[in-house]
Each structure stands twice: as structure tokens, then as C-alpha cells.
Amino acid sequence: MDNRISSRDLAIAIMFFSQTIVGILGNFSLLYYYQVLDNDRCTLKSTRLILRHLITANSMIILSKSLPQTMAAFGLKHFLNDFGCEILLYIQRVGRSVSVGSTCLLSIFQTIMISPMNSCWMDLKVKAPRYIGFSVAFCWILYVVVNFIFPMYVFGKWNSQNMTKKRDWGYCSTVGSDKVTESLYVALFIFPEVLFSVLIIWGSSSMILILYKHKQRAQYIHSNVTPRSSPESRATQSILVLVCTFVIFYTFSSILNICVAFLYNPSWWLVNITALLSACFPTVSPFILMNQDSTVPRFCFV
């Protein structure tokens, strides 16, 4: 076997390596900044609490997906055994699920908080901040438990029969899928992600509508004065940019992930492009937040 890295592998290795470095630096820097900021204040802002867990989930995706793909692209193939491979895929699934759930929670929470006081959300507007901590914790517990079903079923297949079909991920390989595995994948991953995506789109549309109405009222009241956007409006616009970026990347990523999951032997290009696209939102999200949030010092990312 030729140990030299082909130009194709070298190109994808450089892309994975760049994505990993940028993503780790961005997420860890922003997470550290939020930690320092929250320690200096008595109260923890609800949106920042959600963002901290979103950043943590995104970091898990980068470390469990981009980093192994980088190592495999540089020639370190199949460095994990079957058990290690399933654990790594488990971490990827938990990170992705919590990332989707946190983004959905962030979108709905911000929609509630910017809604007018005379709207149907008035009661929730007062109560919502008190339930954010519970909601985030429930999201983690739910997905840690639910995603555990998948590797447990795979381990059961190993013990019950000799599996000859393997799926190659580059850095490791797993047993091939069957009807039960595909059904579990649809029930545990595809259906919840579709549901959350619909809620995210609904929340984003509601925020756009509320901001548009607010801008119209502000222009009517201050027809002769240039209105300045409020901190609440700026925060909402920041979350809107983040959520729209999420929807774009995760829509394409989900389509490719479904193709990879249901194809027995997906092509080299499909596996690597899917891995790159899956880590795009976790990589760029901290820089979107930095660009939209004027309180984040730029030197955190230098």
C-alpha cells in the first residue's frame, strides 16, 4: 500500500485542519469570554445561558467529527476500534442533537421575549426566563439518554451475530445498517430534527414580523428623528442571523447525512463533503455572535 498522501487527500486534509483550528479557537474563546462575563455579574442572562450550551455542543461536534476526519485525511486511517468508533459517533450525535435543540430553544425564547405585552405570549414572557435552565438541562439529559439507544442496539448486534458488512468512515468503521437501524435513525434523529427545524423557521419568521412592525411604529412616532435600534432589537437581529445561518447549513447537512446513512457504501466525496458541511455551522457561529455582539472584544479571536 502506498503511504504517500494523494493530492486529493491533502486538499481535504488542509480543509479539515483549517476548519478544526478555526472552530476550536472561535468556540473556546467565546465560551471563555462568556464564562468570565457571567462570573463578573450576579445574574446570568437567559440568552447567554442558551448560547453557552450551544457553543459547548458545537465544540463537541468539531472535536468528534472534524478532528478525526483531519487525522484520517492526513493518513492516520482506522485508528479507533469498534467500541471507540461507536463512542465517537455517539458524541457526534449528542452534540448535533443538543445544537439543534438549543437553536430551537433560542429562537422560540427570543420570539417570546420581543413579543408585545398585549400579545398572547404575555404570560409566557414573564415566566419563560425562569424555565430556561431547566429546559437546557432537560435537552442534555434527553439526548444523552435517547442517543444511547443507538449504540446499545449496535453492541447487541455484535454479540448476537457475526457482522460482515462494515461502513468505512475513514478514521474507523461500523457495522452496516439494517431495517431496524434505519427505523431507529428516522425516529431518533430525522423526525426530531425536522420538527425542530419547523419550529426554528416559525420562530425566525415571527421575529422578522415583530421587528418589522416595531420598525413601522418607531418610524411613525419618530417621523422626523432617525430612530436608533434598541439593545433588544440588536440582540434579536443577532439571533436571527445565527438562526438563518443554522437553517441554511443544517438543511444541506441533513440531506447529505441522510444519503450517507442510507447508502451502504457512500463515495469518498460524499462522506468528506458531508463531514465538512456538518461542522460549518459550529465553526462559523462564534464569529457570527462576535460580529453581532458589540460587547465581545475582538482580541478574543486574534
C-alpha atoms as a PDB file:
ATOM      1  CA  MET A   1       0.000   0.000   0.000  1.00  0.00           C
ATOM      2  CA  ASP A   2       1.255   3.478  -0.927  1.00  0.00           C
ATOM      3  CA  ASN A   3       1.745   5.534   2.217  1.00  0.00           C
ATOM      4  CA  ARG A   4       2.039   8.794   0.319  1.00  0.00           C
ATOM      5  CA  ILE A   5      -0.893  11.191   0.622  1.00  0.00           C
ATOM      6  CA  SER A   6      -2.578  11.914  -2.691  1.00  0.00           C
ATOM      7  CA  SER A   7      -3.291  15.499  -3.749  1.00  0.00           C
ATOM      8  CA  ARG A   8      -6.999  14.828  -3.192  1.00  0.00           C
ATOM      9  CA  ASP A   9      -6.429  13.649   0.379  1.00  0.00           C
ATOM     10  CA  LEU A  10      -4.017  16.509   1.067  1.00  0.00           C
ATOM     11  CA  ALA A  11      -6.545  19.103  -0.117  1.00  0.00           C
ATOM     12  CA  ILE A  12      -9.331  17.708   2.063  1.00  0.00           C
ATOM     13  CA  ALA A  13      -6.892  17.324   4.984  1.00  0.00           C
ATOM     14  CA  ILE A  14      -5.960  21.016   4.812  1.00  0.00           C
ATOM     15  CA  MET A  15      -9.661  21.972   4.723  1.00  0.00           C
ATOM     16  CA  PHE A  16     -10.460  19.778   7.730  1.00  0.00           C
ATOM     17  CA  PHE A  17      -7.396  21.035   9.612  1.00  0.00           C
ATOM     18  CA  SER A  18      -8.282  24.702   8.957  1.00  0.00           C
ATOM     19  CA  GLN A  19     -11.898  24.118   9.952  1.00  0.00           C
ATOM     20  CA  THR A  20     -10.848  22.355  13.165  1.00  0.00           C
ATOM     21  CA  ILE A  21      -8.377  25.049  14.261  1.00  0.00           C
ATOM     22  CA  VAL A  22     -10.706  27.948  13.457  1.00  0.00           C
ATOM     23  CA  GLY A  23     -13.698  26.226  15.075  1.00  0.00           C
ATOM     24  CA  ILE A  24     -11.882  25.266  18.271  1.00  0.00           C
ATOM     25  CA  LEU A  25     -10.334  28.721  18.720  1.00  0.00           C
ATOM     26  CA  GLY A  26     -13.608  30.506  17.994  1.00  0.00           C
ATOM     27  CA  ASN A  27     -15.834  28.386  20.233  1.00  0.00           C
ATOM     28  CA  PHE A  28     -13.400  28.074  23.140  1.00  0.00           C
ATOM     29  CA  SER A  29     -12.590  31.808  23.083  1.00  0.00           C
ATOM     30  CA  LEU A  30     -16.251  32.823  23.104  1.00  0.00           C
ATOM     31  CA  LEU A  31     -17.103  30.258  25.770  1.00  0.00           C
ATOM     32  CA  TYR A  32     -14.258  31.566  27.952  1.00  0.00           C
ATOM     33  CA  TYR A  33     -15.393  35.163  27.418  1.00  0.00           C
ATOM     34  CA  TYR A  34     -18.989  34.345  28.391  1.00  0.00           C
ATOM     35  CA  GLN A  35     -17.727  32.489  31.466  1.00  0.00           C
ATOM     36  CA  VAL A  36     -15.643  35.494  32.584  1.00  0.00           C
ATOM     37  CA  LEU A  37     -18.511  37.894  31.834  1.00  0.00           C
ATOM     38  CA  ASP A  38     -21.026  35.827  33.790  1.00  0.00           C
ATOM     39  CA  ASN A  39     -18.663  35.487  36.769  1.00  0.00           C
ATOM     40  CA  ASP A  40     -18.400  39.280  36.947  1.00  0.00           C
ATOM     41  CA  ARG A  41     -22.178  39.660  37.119  1.00  0.00           C
ATOM     42  CA  CYS A  42     -24.676  38.469  39.693  1.00  0.00           C
ATOM     43  CA  THR A  43     -27.267  37.258  37.185  1.00  0.00           C
ATOM     44  CA  LEU A  44     -26.889  35.043  34.152  1.00  0.00           C
ATOM     45  CA  LYS A  45     -28.694  36.304  31.074  1.00  0.00           C
ATOM     46  CA  SER A  46     -31.058  33.658  29.700  1.00  0.00           C
ATOM     47  CA  THR A  47     -29.984  34.035  26.078  1.00  0.00           C
ATOM     48  CA  ARG A  48     -26.329  33.806  27.080  1.00  0.00           C
ATOM     49  CA  LEU A  49     -27.033  30.618  29.031  1.00  0.00           C
ATOM     50  CA  ILE A  50     -28.531  29.041  25.908  1.00  0.00           C
ATOM     51  CA  LEU A  51     -25.624  30.290  23.797  1.00  0.00           C
ATOM     52  CA  ARG A  52     -23.077  28.774  26.201  1.00  0.00           C
ATOM     53  CA  HIS A  53     -24.661  25.354  25.830  1.00  0.00           C
ATOM     54  CA  LEU A  54     -24.951  25.823  22.066  1.00  0.00           C
ATOM     55  CA  ILE A  55     -21.215  26.619  21.928  1.00  0.00           C
ATOM     56  CA  THR A  56     -20.456  23.553  24.084  1.00  0.00           C
ATOM     57  CA  ALA A  57     -22.480  21.312  21.739  1.00  0.00           C
ATOM     58  CA  ASN A  58     -20.790  22.856  18.691  1.00  0.00           C
ATOM     59  CA  SER A  59     -17.368  22.227  20.241  1.00  0.00           C
ATOM     60  CA  MET A  60     -18.324  18.567  20.725  1.00  0.00           C
ATOM     61  CA  ILE A  61     -19.193  18.313  17.011  1.00  0.00           C
ATOM     62  CA  ILE A  62     -15.877  19.822  15.929  1.00  0.00           C
ATOM     63  CA  LEU A  63     -13.769  17.691  18.283  1.00  0.00           C
ATOM     64  CA  SER A  64     -15.599  14.442  17.471  1.00  0.00           C
ATOM     65  CA  LYS A  65     -16.062  14.966  13.730  1.00  0.00           C
ATOM     66  CA  SER A  66     -13.625  17.464  12.201  1.00  0.00           C
ATOM     67  CA  LEU A  67     -10.618  16.385  14.293  1.00  0.00           C
ATOM     68  CA  PRO A  68     -10.863  12.630  13.473  1.00  0.00           C
ATOM     69  CA  GLN A  69     -11.539  13.458   9.816  1.00  0.00           C
ATOM     70  CA  THR A  70      -8.415  15.637   9.801  1.00  0.00           C
ATOM     71  CA  MET A  71      -6.315  12.785  11.214  1.00  0.00           C
ATOM     72  CA  ALA A  72      -7.760  10.314   8.698  1.00  0.00           C
ATOM     73  CA  ALA A  73      -7.184  12.713   5.800  1.00  0.00           C
ATOM     74  CA  PHE A  74      -3.520  13.047   6.803  1.00  0.00           C
ATOM     75  CA  GLY A  75      -3.134   9.268   6.554  1.00  0.00           C
ATOM     76  CA  LEU A  76      -3.958   8.020  10.063  1.00  0.00           C
ATOM     77  CA  LYS A  77      -6.650   5.568   8.988  1.00  0.00           C
ATOM     78  CA  HIS A  78      -8.797   3.413  11.273  1.00  0.00           C
ATOM     79  CA  PHE A  79      -7.058   4.409  14.493  1.00  0.00           C
ATOM     80  CA  LEU A  80     -10.192   3.553  16.524  1.00  0.00           C
ATOM     81  CA  ASN A  81     -11.565   0.097  17.273  1.00  0.00           C
ATOM     82  CA  ASP A  82     -15.293  -0.748  17.035  1.00  0.00           C
ATOM     83  CA  PHE A  83     -16.040   0.379  20.588  1.00  0.00           C
ATOM     84  CA  GLY A  84     -14.146   3.656  20.204  1.00  0.00           C
ATOM     85  CA  CYS A  85     -15.863   4.288  16.882  1.00  0.00           C
ATOM     86  CA  GLU A  86     -19.349   3.904  18.368  1.00  0.00           C
ATOM     87  CA  ILE A  87     -18.441   6.180  21.309  1.00  0.00           C
ATOM     88  CA  LEU A  88     -17.172   8.849  18.911  1.00  0.00           C
ATOM     89  CA  LEU A  89     -20.314   8.622  16.756  1.00  0.00           C
ATOM     90  CA  TYR A  90     -22.379   8.808  19.959  1.00  0.00           C
ATOM     91  CA  ILE A  91     -20.659  12.073  20.930  1.00  0.00           C
ATOM     92  CA  GLN A  92     -21.298  13.426  17.422  1.00  0.00           C
ATOM     93  CA  ARG A  93     -24.999  12.614  17.658  1.00  0.00           C
ATOM     94  CA  VAL A  94     -25.378  14.122  21.138  1.00  0.00           C
ATOM     95  CA  GLY A  95     -23.572  17.282  20.036  1.00  0.00           C
ATOM     96  CA  ARG A  96     -25.669  17.648  16.885  1.00  0.00           C
ATOM     97  CA  SER A  97     -28.947  16.950  18.729  1.00  0.00           C
ATOM     98  CA  VAL A  98     -28.188  19.438  21.519  1.00  0.00           C
ATOM     99  CA  SER A  99     -27.071  22.016  18.944  1.00  0.00           C
ATOM    100  CA  VAL A 100     -30.392  21.693  17.092  1.00  0.00           C
ATOM    101  CA  GLY A 101     -32.373  21.711  20.346  1.00  0.00           C
ATOM    102  CA  SER A 102     -30.505  24.755  21.725  1.00  0.00           C
ATOM    103  CA  THR A 103     -31.003  26.706  18.496  1.00  0.00           C
ATOM    104  CA  CYS A 104     -34.714  25.896  18.573  1.00  0.00           C
ATOM    105  CA  LEU A 105     -34.941  26.963  22.224  1.00  0.00           C
ATOM    106  CA  LEU A 106     -33.056  30.183  21.476  1.00  0.00           C
ATOM    107  CA  SER A 107     -35.349  31.020  18.544  1.00  0.00           C
ATOM    108  CA  ILE A 108     -38.580  30.397  20.469  1.00  0.00           C
ATOM    109  CA  PHE A 109     -37.355  32.151  23.628  1.00  0.00           C
ATOM    110  CA  GLN A 110     -36.323  35.299  21.762  1.00  0.00           C
ATOM    111  CA  THR A 111     -39.651  35.321  19.902  1.00  0.00           C
ATOM    112  CA  ILE A 112     -41.493  35.246  23.226  1.00  0.00           C
ATOM    113  CA  MET A 113     -39.302  37.931  24.797  1.00  0.00           C
ATOM    114  CA  ILE A 114     -39.685  40.501  21.992  1.00  0.00           C
ATOM    115  CA  SER A 115     -43.430  39.951  21.560  1.00  0.00           C
ATOM    116  CA  PRO A 116     -45.652  42.908  22.535  1.00  0.00           C
ATOM    117  CA  MET A 117     -47.105  42.954  26.039  1.00  0.00           C
ATOM    118  CA  ASN A 118     -50.654  42.782  24.656  1.00  0.00           C
ATOM    119  CA  SER A 119     -49.943  39.595  22.704  1.00  0.00           C
ATOM    120  CA  CYS A 120     -50.924  36.032  23.600  1.00  0.00           C
ATOM    121  CA  TRP A 121     -47.322  35.491  24.807  1.00  0.00           C
ATOM    122  CA  MET A 122     -47.695  37.968  27.691  1.00  0.00           C
ATOM    123  CA  ASP A 123     -47.849  35.340  30.463  1.00  0.00           C
ATOM    124  CA  LEU A 124     -45.007  33.311  28.978  1.00  0.00           C
ATOM    125  CA  LYS A 125     -42.898  36.455  28.630  1.00  0.00           C
ATOM    126  CA  VAL A 126     -42.792  36.755  32.420  1.00  0.00           C
ATOM    127  CA  LYS A 127     -42.342  33.038  33.159  1.00  0.00           C
ATOM    128  CA  ALA A 128     -40.014  31.972  30.310  1.00  0.00           C
ATOM    129  CA  PRO A 129     -36.668  33.138  31.808  1.00  0.00           C
ATOM    130  CA  ARG A 130     -37.267  31.002  34.912  1.00  0.00           C
ATOM    131  CA  TYR A 131     -37.550  27.817  32.865  1.00  0.00           C
ATOM    132  CA  ILE A 132     -34.528  28.278  30.621  1.00  0.00           C
ATOM    133  CA  GLY A 133     -32.113  26.482  32.969  1.00  0.00           C
ATOM    134  CA  PHE A 134     -34.488  23.524  33.298  1.00  0.00           C
ATOM    135  CA  SER A 135     -35.103  23.433  29.527  1.00  0.00           C
ATOM    136  CA  VAL A 136     -31.384  23.372  28.710  1.00  0.00           C
ATOM    137  CA  ALA A 137     -30.685  20.665  31.317  1.00  0.00           C
ATOM    138  CA  PHE A 138     -33.635  18.604  30.046  1.00  0.00           C
ATOM    139  CA  CYS A 139     -32.306  18.922  26.482  1.00  0.00           C
ATOM    140  CA  TRP A 140     -28.918  17.491  27.520  1.00  0.00           C
ATOM    141  CA  ILE A 141     -30.402  14.662  29.627  1.00  0.00           C
ATOM    142  CA  LEU A 142     -32.922  13.731  26.932  1.00  0.00           C
ATOM    143  CA  TYR A 143     -30.359  13.469  24.144  1.00  0.00           C
ATOM    144  CA  VAL A 144     -27.706  11.770  26.258  1.00  0.00           C
ATOM    145  CA  VAL A 145     -30.271   9.050  27.050  1.00  0.00           C
ATOM    146  CA  VAL A 146     -32.024   8.870  23.660  1.00  0.00           C
ATOM    147  CA  ASN A 147     -28.801   8.740  21.648  1.00  0.00           C
ATOM    148  CA  PHE A 148     -27.586   5.923  23.901  1.00  0.00           C
ATOM    149  CA  ILE A 149     -30.228   3.627  22.401  1.00  0.00           C
ATOM    150  CA  PHE A 150     -28.463   3.576  19.036  1.00  0.00           C
ATOM    151  CA  PRO A 151     -25.017   2.301  20.183  1.00  0.00           C
ATOM    152  CA  MET A 152     -26.662  -0.158  22.593  1.00  0.00           C
ATOM    153  CA  TYR A 153     -28.558  -1.715  19.687  1.00  0.00           C
ATOM    154  CA  VAL A 154     -25.353  -1.900  17.635  1.00  0.00           C
ATOM    155  CA  PHE A 155     -23.498  -3.561  20.545  1.00  0.00           C
ATOM    156  CA  GLY A 156     -26.358  -6.068  20.739  1.00  0.00           C
ATOM    157  CA  LYS A 157     -25.924  -6.874  17.060  1.00  0.00           C
ATOM    158  CA  TRP A 158     -22.220  -7.541  17.619  1.00  0.00           C
ATOM    159  CA  ASN A 159     -22.977 -10.014  20.387  1.00  0.00           C
ATOM    160  CA  SER A 160     -25.839 -11.768  18.629  1.00  0.00           C
ATOM    161  CA  GLN A 161     -24.259 -12.426  15.240  1.00  0.00           C
ATOM    162  CA  ASN A 162     -21.135 -12.082  13.180  1.00  0.00           C
ATOM    163  CA  MET A 163     -21.430  -8.861  11.198  1.00  0.00           C
ATOM    164  CA  THR A 164     -19.535  -8.903   7.922  1.00  0.00           C
ATOM    165  CA  LYS A 165     -20.833  -5.642   6.428  1.00  0.00           C
ATOM    166  CA  LYS A 166     -18.902  -2.588   7.575  1.00  0.00           C
ATOM    167  CA  ARG A 167     -19.267   1.112   6.892  1.00  0.00           C
ATOM    168  CA  ASP A 168     -15.994   2.962   6.461  1.00  0.00           C
ATOM    169  CA  TRP A 169     -15.749   6.460   7.984  1.00  0.00           C
ATOM    170  CA  GLY A 170     -12.034   6.874   7.305  1.00  0.00           C
ATOM    171  CA  TYR A 171     -10.948   7.031  10.942  1.00  0.00           C
ATOM    172  CA  CYS A 172     -12.943   3.906  11.890  1.00  0.00           C
ATOM    173  CA  SER A 173     -15.644   1.598  10.633  1.00  0.00           C
ATOM    174  CA  THR A 174     -19.032   0.492  11.957  1.00  0.00           C
ATOM    175  CA  VAL A 175     -21.424  -2.349  11.254  1.00  0.00           C
ATOM    176  CA  GLY A 176     -23.746  -1.989   8.280  1.00  0.00           C
ATOM    177  CA  SER A 177     -27.322  -0.840   8.707  1.00  0.00           C
ATOM    178  CA  ASP A 178     -30.479  -2.968   8.612  1.00  0.00           C
ATOM    179  CA  LYS A 179     -34.206  -2.160   8.687  1.00  0.00           C
ATOM    180  CA  VAL A 180     -34.253  -1.735  12.476  1.00  0.00           C
ATOM    181  CA  THR A 181     -31.206   0.557  12.406  1.00  0.00           C
ATOM    182  CA  GLU A 182     -32.748   2.678   9.669  1.00  0.00           C
ATOM    183  CA  SER A 183     -36.039   2.903  11.598  1.00  0.00           C
ATOM    184  CA  LEU A 184     -34.174   3.952  14.748  1.00  0.00           C
ATOM    185  CA  TYR A 185     -32.282   6.583  12.777  1.00  0.00           C
ATOM    186  CA  VAL A 186     -35.506   8.045  11.395  1.00  0.00           C
ATOM    187  CA  ALA A 187     -37.276   8.011  14.776  1.00  0.00           C
ATOM    188  CA  LEU A 188     -34.396   9.311  16.900  1.00  0.00           C
ATOM    189  CA  PHE A 189     -32.647  11.753  14.544  1.00  0.00           C
ATOM    190  CA  ILE A 190     -34.510  12.681  11.367  1.00  0.00           C
ATOM    191  CA  PHE A 191     -38.005  13.217  12.811  1.00  0.00           C
ATOM    192  CA  PRO A 192     -36.904  15.380  15.797  1.00  0.00           C
ATOM    193  CA  GLU A 193     -34.600  17.472  13.578  1.00  0.00           C
ATOM    194  CA  VAL A 194     -37.401  18.101  11.086  1.00  0.00           C
ATOM    195  CA  LEU A 195     -39.748  19.082  13.919  1.00  0.00           C
ATOM    196  CA  PHE A 196     -37.191  21.430  15.491  1.00  0.00           C
ATOM    197  CA  SER A 197     -36.367  22.910  12.087  1.00  0.00           C
ATOM    198  CA  VAL A 198     -40.045  23.760  11.544  1.00  0.00           C
ATOM    199  CA  LEU A 199     -40.153  25.422  14.991  1.00  0.00           C
ATOM    200  CA  ILE A 200     -36.941  27.334  14.237  1.00  0.00           C
ATOM    201  CA  ILE A 201     -38.331  28.619  10.932  1.00  0.00           C
ATOM    202  CA  TRP A 202     -41.586  29.587  12.659  1.00  0.00           C
ATOM    203  CA  GLY A 203     -39.684  31.424  15.410  1.00  0.00           C
ATOM    204  CA  SER A 204     -37.482  33.231  12.885  1.00  0.00           C
ATOM    205  CA  SER A 205     -40.488  34.278  10.794  1.00  0.00           C
ATOM    206  CA  SER A 206     -42.239  35.558  13.922  1.00  0.00           C
ATOM    207  CA  MET A 207     -39.174  37.576  14.942  1.00  0.00           C
ATOM    208  CA  ILE A 208     -38.918  39.143  11.479  1.00  0.00           C
ATOM    209  CA  LEU A 209     -42.611  40.076  11.590  1.00  0.00           C
ATOM    210  CA  ILE A 210     -42.346  41.553  15.108  1.00  0.00           C
ATOM    211  CA  LEU A 211     -39.245  43.562  14.201  1.00  0.00           C
ATOM    212  CA  TYR A 212     -40.921  44.846  11.041  1.00  0.00           C
ATOM    213  CA  LYS A 213     -43.985  46.020  12.979  1.00  0.00           C
ATOM    214  CA  HIS A 214     -41.760  47.596  15.639  1.00  0.00           C
ATOM    215  CA  LYS A 215     -39.810  49.472  12.965  1.00  0.00           C
ATOM    216  CA  GLN A 216     -43.020  50.752  11.406  1.00  0.00           C
ATOM    217  CA  ARG A 217     -44.286  52.026  14.779  1.00  0.00           C
ATOM    218  CA  ALA A 218     -40.926  53.668  15.521  1.00  0.00           C
ATOM    219  CA  GLN A 219     -40.904  55.426  12.137  1.00  0.00           C
ATOM    220  CA  TYR A 220     -44.464  56.644  12.717  1.00  0.00           C
ATOM    221  CA  ILE A 221     -43.712  58.011  16.204  1.00  0.00           C
ATOM    222  CA  HIS A 222     -40.321  59.482  15.305  1.00  0.00           C
ATOM    223  CA  SER A 223     -41.063  60.564  11.743  1.00  0.00           C
ATOM    224  CA  ASN A 224     -38.649  63.493  11.961  1.00  0.00           C
ATOM    225  CA  VAL A 225     -35.972  61.735  14.028  1.00  0.00           C
ATOM    226  CA  THR A 226     -33.693  58.908  12.958  1.00  0.00           C
ATOM    227  CA  PRO A 227     -34.560  56.079  15.370  1.00  0.00           C
ATOM    228  CA  ARG A 228     -31.777  54.124  16.999  1.00  0.00           C
ATOM    229  CA  SER A 229     -32.162  50.407  17.347  1.00  0.00           C
ATOM    230  CA  SER A 230     -32.649  49.204  20.906  1.00  0.00           C
ATOM    231  CA  PRO A 231     -30.353  46.629  22.537  1.00  0.00           C
ATOM    232  CA  GLU A 232     -33.265  44.170  22.383  1.00  0.00           C
ATOM    233  CA  SER A 233     -33.629  44.718  18.622  1.00  0.00           C
ATOM    234  CA  ARG A 234     -29.877  44.314  18.086  1.00  0.00           C
ATOM    235  CA  ALA A 235     -29.898  41.097  20.115  1.00  0.00           C
ATOM    236  CA  THR A 236     -32.841  39.797  18.095  1.00  0.00           C
ATOM    237  CA  GLN A 237     -31.121  40.646  14.815  1.00  0.00           C
ATOM    238  CA  SER A 238     -28.011  38.795  16.032  1.00  0.00           C
ATOM    239  CA  ILE A 239     -30.061  35.714  16.877  1.00  0.00           C
ATOM    240  CA  LEU A 240     -31.860  35.961  13.531  1.00  0.00           C
ATOM    241  CA  VAL A 241     -28.558  35.940  11.636  1.00  0.00           C
ATOM    242  CA  LEU A 242     -27.379  32.976  13.736  1.00  0.00           C
ATOM    243  CA  VAL A 243     -30.617  31.036  13.238  1.00  0.00           C
ATOM    244  CA  CYS A 244     -30.779  31.718   9.473  1.00  0.00           C
ATOM    245  CA  THR A 245     -27.175  30.520   9.122  1.00  0.00           C
ATOM    246  CA  PHE A 246     -28.110  27.414  11.105  1.00  0.00           C
ATOM    247  CA  VAL A 247     -31.113  26.669   8.859  1.00  0.00           C
ATOM    248  CA  ILE A 248     -29.057  27.016   5.661  1.00  0.00           C
ATOM    249  CA  PHE A 249     -26.150  24.801   6.784  1.00  0.00           C
ATOM    250  CA  TYR A 250     -28.252  22.192   8.581  1.00  0.00           C
ATOM    251  CA  THR A 251     -30.724  21.810   5.713  1.00  0.00           C
ATOM    252  CA  PHE A 252     -27.960  20.804   3.291  1.00  0.00           C
ATOM    253  CA  SER A 253     -26.129  18.872   6.002  1.00  0.00           C
ATOM    254  CA  SER A 254     -29.247  16.866   6.901  1.00  0.00           C
ATOM    255  CA  ILE A 255     -29.885  15.934   3.266  1.00  0.00           C
ATOM    256  CA  LEU A 256     -26.306  14.688   2.863  1.00  0.00           C
ATOM    257  CA  ASN A 257     -26.371  12.890   6.244  1.00  0.00           C
ATOM    258  CA  ILE A 258     -29.495  11.007   5.168  1.00  0.00           C
ATOM    259  CA  CYS A 259     -27.750   9.976   1.940  1.00  0.00           C
ATOM    260  CA  VAL A 260     -24.694   8.748   3.878  1.00  0.00           C
ATOM    261  CA  ALA A 261     -26.845   6.923   6.437  1.00  0.00           C
ATOM    262  CA  PHE A 262     -28.934   5.007   3.904  1.00  0.00           C
ATOM    263  CA  LEU A 263     -26.198   4.207   1.378  1.00  0.00           C
ATOM    264  CA  TYR A 264     -24.236   1.072   2.193  1.00  0.00           C
ATOM    265  CA  ASN A 265     -21.002   2.254   0.598  1.00  0.00           C
ATOM    266  CA  PRO A 266     -21.113   6.061   0.154  1.00  0.00           C
ATOM    267  CA  SER A 267     -18.453   7.635  -2.037  1.00  0.00           C
ATOM    268  CA  TRP A 268     -15.290   9.289  -0.690  1.00  0.00           C
ATOM    269  CA  TRP A 269     -16.512  12.703  -1.818  1.00  0.00           C
ATOM    270  CA  LEU A 270     -19.955  12.314  -0.219  1.00  0.00           C
ATOM    271  CA  VAL A 271     -18.527  11.276   3.161  1.00  0.00           C
ATOM    272  CA  ASN A 272     -15.979  14.099   3.290  1.00  0.00           C
ATOM    273  CA  ILE A 273     -18.254  16.868   1.953  1.00  0.00           C
ATOM    274  CA  THR A 274     -20.922  15.795   4.463  1.00  0.00           C
ATOM    275  CA  ALA A 275     -18.385  15.939   7.299  1.00  0.00           C
ATOM    276  CA  LEU A 276     -17.163  19.380   6.196  1.00  0.00           C
ATOM    277  CA  LEU A 277     -20.681  20.759   5.879  1.00  0.00           C
ATOM    278  CA  SER A 278     -21.787  19.262   9.216  1.00  0.00           C
ATOM    279  CA  ALA A 279     -19.109  21.253  11.032  1.00  0.00           C
ATOM    280  CA  CYS A 280     -19.622  24.528   9.114  1.00  0.00           C
ATOM    281  CA  PHE A 281     -22.249  25.983  11.461  1.00  0.00           C
ATOM    282  CA  PRO A 282     -20.310  25.008  14.639  1.00  0.00           C
ATOM    283  CA  THR A 283     -17.241  26.660  13.089  1.00  0.00           C
ATOM    284  CA  VAL A 284     -18.763  29.966  11.934  1.00  0.00           C
ATOM    285  CA  SER A 285     -21.352  30.508  14.710  1.00  0.00           C
ATOM    286  CA  PRO A 286     -18.960  32.072  17.284  1.00  0.00           C
ATOM    287  CA  PHE A 287     -17.765  34.588  14.689  1.00  0.00           C
ATOM    288  CA  ILE A 288     -21.358  35.492  13.812  1.00  0.00           C
ATOM    289  CA  LEU A 289     -22.022  36.148  17.501  1.00  0.00           C
ATOM    290  CA  MET A 290     -18.798  38.138  17.813  1.00  0.00           C
ATOM    291  CA  ASN A 291     -19.646  40.260  14.795  1.00  0.00           C
ATOM    292  CA  GLN A 292     -23.175  40.985  16.006  1.00  0.00           C
ATOM    293  CA  ASP A 293     -22.368  41.464  19.713  1.00  0.00           C
ATOM    294  CA  SER A 294     -20.507  44.722  20.344  1.00  0.00           C
ATOM    295  CA  THR A 295     -19.654  43.666  23.927  1.00  0.00           C
ATOM    296  CA  VAL A 296     -17.363  40.858  22.739  1.00  0.00           C
ATOM    297  CA  PRO A 297     -13.797  42.180  22.429  1.00  0.00           C
ATOM    298  CA  ARG A 298     -12.236  41.436  19.052  1.00  0.00           C
ATOM    299  CA  PHE A 299      -8.933  40.367  20.600  1.00  0.00           C
ATOM    300  CA  CYS A 300     -10.626  37.212  21.857  1.00  0.00           C
ATOM    301  CA  PHE A 301     -10.359  35.806  18.357  1.00  0.00           C
ATOM    302  CA  VAL A 302      -6.957  37.098  17.372  1.00  0.00           C
END
